[in-house]
Amino acid sequence: MRVERSPRFDRAYKKLPLEVRERFKEKLRLLAESKFTHPSLRVKRIKGTTAIWEASIDMNHRFTFEKITGGIRLRVIGPHKVINTP
């Protein structure tokens, strides 16, 4: 699966604690292997959008992405409140 990252994602990712970044890497692997269906990811479409999805890293952190040809484009990552800000 091809993975692209937005500049906003890269900036937010660098600010995360190491343990959250490590958990994210595992969730990204699960996302690719399970084709978005692994229960621990809790993947759902963001309300009011047609192409933006979110997935959980843990109970406090999540990330958003768009499905693109051959993979995904990561949009933003962080605590729940960060995801809900445009």
C-alpha atoms as a PDB file:
ATOM      1  CA  MET A   1       0.000   0.000   0.000  1.00  0.00           C
ATOM      2  CA  ARG A   2       1.326   3.408  -0.988  1.00  0.00           C
ATOM      3  CA  VAL A   3       1.331   6.011   1.804  1.00  0.00           C
ATOM      4  CA  GLU A   4       1.535   9.746   1.201  1.00  0.00           C
ATOM      5  CA  ARG A   5       1.775  12.305   4.006  1.00  0.00           C
ATOM      6  CA  SER A   6       0.536  15.880   4.082  1.00  0.00           C
ATOM      7  CA  PRO A   7       2.801  18.600   5.482  1.00  0.00           C
ATOM      8  CA  ARG A   8       0.307  19.066   8.346  1.00  0.00           C
ATOM      9  CA  PHE A   9       0.595  15.358   9.180  1.00  0.00           C
ATOM     10  CA  ASP A  10       4.409  15.528   9.207  1.00  0.00           C
ATOM     11  CA  ARG A  11       4.439  18.555  11.537  1.00  0.00           C
ATOM     12  CA  ALA A  12       1.990  16.949  13.979  1.00  0.00           C
ATOM     13  CA  TYR A  13       3.740  13.557  13.871  1.00  0.00           C
ATOM     14  CA  LYS A  14       7.073  15.087  14.917  1.00  0.00           C
ATOM     15  CA  LYS A  15       5.434  16.576  18.029  1.00  0.00           C
ATOM     16  CA  LEU A  16       4.019  13.258  19.267  1.00  0.00           C
ATOM     17  CA  PRO A  17       5.691  11.294  22.061  1.00  0.00           C
ATOM     18  CA  LEU A  18       7.808   8.365  20.891  1.00  0.00           C
ATOM     19  CA  GLU A  19       5.401   5.752  22.303  1.00  0.00           C
ATOM     20  CA  VAL A  20       2.478   7.220  20.305  1.00  0.00           C
ATOM     21  CA  ARG A  21       4.573   7.255  17.125  1.00  0.00           C
ATOM     22  CA  GLU A  22       5.459   3.588  17.680  1.00  0.00           C
ATOM     23  CA  ARG A  23       1.781   2.678  18.222  1.00  0.00           C
ATOM     24  CA  PHE A  24       0.887   4.586  15.063  1.00  0.00           C
ATOM     25  CA  LYS A  25       3.363   2.534  13.020  1.00  0.00           C
ATOM     26  CA  GLU A  26       1.674  -0.655  14.244  1.00  0.00           C
ATOM     27  CA  LYS A  27      -1.786   0.727  13.416  1.00  0.00           C
ATOM     28  CA  LEU A  28      -0.630   1.718   9.940  1.00  0.00           C
ATOM     29  CA  ARG A  29       0.591  -1.853   9.400  1.00  0.00           C
ATOM     30  CA  LEU A  30      -2.790  -3.194  10.575  1.00  0.00           C
ATOM     31  CA  LEU A  31      -4.578  -0.765   8.277  1.00  0.00           C
ATOM     32  CA  ALA A  32      -2.650  -2.079   5.277  1.00  0.00           C
ATOM     33  CA  GLU A  33      -2.949  -5.760   6.191  1.00  0.00           C
ATOM     34  CA  SER A  34      -6.630  -5.731   7.110  1.00  0.00           C
ATOM     35  CA  LYS A  35      -7.754  -3.440   4.300  1.00  0.00           C
ATOM     36  CA  PHE A  36      -9.230  -0.960   6.806  1.00  0.00           C
ATOM     37  CA  THR A  37     -11.284  -3.530   8.750  1.00  0.00           C
ATOM     38  CA  HIS A  38      -9.281  -4.416  11.866  1.00  0.00           C
ATOM     39  CA  PRO A  39     -11.560  -3.740  14.883  1.00  0.00           C
ATOM     40  CA  SER A  40      -8.895  -1.984  16.958  1.00  0.00           C
ATOM     41  CA  LEU A  41      -8.610   0.735  14.293  1.00  0.00           C
ATOM     42  CA  ARG A  42     -12.259   1.786  14.666  1.00  0.00           C
ATOM     43  CA  VAL A  43     -12.178   3.222  11.122  1.00  0.00           C
ATOM     44  CA  LYS A  44     -15.090   5.497  10.264  1.00  0.00           C
ATOM     45  CA  ARG A  45     -15.860   8.245   7.799  1.00  0.00           C
ATOM     46  CA  ILE A  46     -15.732  11.756   9.233  1.00  0.00           C
ATOM     47  CA  LYS A  47     -19.234  13.250   9.330  1.00  0.00           C
ATOM     48  CA  GLY A  48     -19.916  15.812   6.654  1.00  0.00           C
ATOM     49  CA  THR A  49     -17.251  14.439   4.292  1.00  0.00           C
ATOM     50  CA  THR A  50     -17.345  11.913   1.500  1.00  0.00           C
ATOM     51  CA  ALA A  51     -13.695  10.913   1.326  1.00  0.00           C
ATOM     52  CA  ILE A  52     -12.025  11.582   4.695  1.00  0.00           C
ATOM     53  CA  TRP A  53     -11.688   8.769   7.206  1.00  0.00           C
ATOM     54  CA  GLU A  54     -10.365   8.513  10.747  1.00  0.00           C
ATOM     55  CA  ALA A  55      -8.766   5.660  12.665  1.00  0.00           C
ATOM     56  CA  SER A  56      -7.737   5.220  16.288  1.00  0.00           C
ATOM     57  CA  ILE A  57      -4.197   4.822  17.541  1.00  0.00           C
ATOM     58  CA  ASP A  58      -5.272   4.555  21.186  1.00  0.00           C
ATOM     59  CA  MET A  59      -8.080   5.994  23.296  1.00  0.00           C
ATOM     60  CA  ASN A  60      -6.572   9.502  23.119  1.00  0.00           C
ATOM     61  CA  HIS A  61      -5.006   9.696  19.644  1.00  0.00           C
ATOM     62  CA  ARG A  62      -6.213   9.190  16.121  1.00  0.00           C
ATOM     63  CA  PHE A  63      -5.342  10.045  12.557  1.00  0.00           C
ATOM     64  CA  THR A  64      -7.231  10.973   9.416  1.00  0.00           C
ATOM     65  CA  PHE A  65      -6.642   9.821   5.876  1.00  0.00           C
ATOM     66  CA  GLU A  66      -8.024   9.814   2.356  1.00  0.00           C
ATOM     67  CA  LYS A  67      -8.105   6.737   0.175  1.00  0.00           C
ATOM     68  CA  ILE A  68      -6.103   7.275  -3.016  1.00  0.00           C
ATOM     69  CA  THR A  69      -5.257   4.998  -5.910  1.00  0.00           C
ATOM     70  CA  GLY A  70      -3.043   2.256  -4.524  1.00  0.00           C
ATOM     71  CA  GLY A  71      -3.036   3.502  -0.940  1.00  0.00           C
ATOM     72  CA  ILE A  72      -3.809   6.373   1.406  1.00  0.00           C
ATOM     73  CA  ARG A  73      -2.859   9.978   2.045  1.00  0.00           C
ATOM     74  CA  LEU A  74      -2.349  10.763   5.734  1.00  0.00           C
ATOM     75  CA  ARG A  75      -3.860  14.136   6.618  1.00  0.00           C
ATOM     76  CA  VAL A  76      -3.418  14.828  10.355  1.00  0.00           C
ATOM     77  CA  ILE A  77      -2.559  12.970  13.549  1.00  0.00           C
ATOM     78  CA  GLY A  78      -2.966  13.775  17.216  1.00  0.00           C
ATOM     79  CA  PRO A  79      -5.385  13.958  20.129  1.00  0.00           C
ATOM     80  CA  HIS A  80      -9.115  13.893  19.348  1.00  0.00           C
ATOM     81  CA  LYS A  81      -9.469  17.689  19.607  1.00  0.00           C
ATOM     82  CA  VAL A  82      -6.799  18.218  16.914  1.00  0.00           C
ATOM     83  CA  ILE A  83      -8.639  15.981  14.468  1.00  0.00           C
ATOM     84  CA  ASN A  84     -11.831  17.998  14.813  1.00  0.00           C
ATOM     85  CA  THR A  85     -10.196  21.303  13.829  1.00  0.00           C
ATOM     86  CA  PRO A  86     -10.082  22.140  10.108  1.00  0.00           C
END
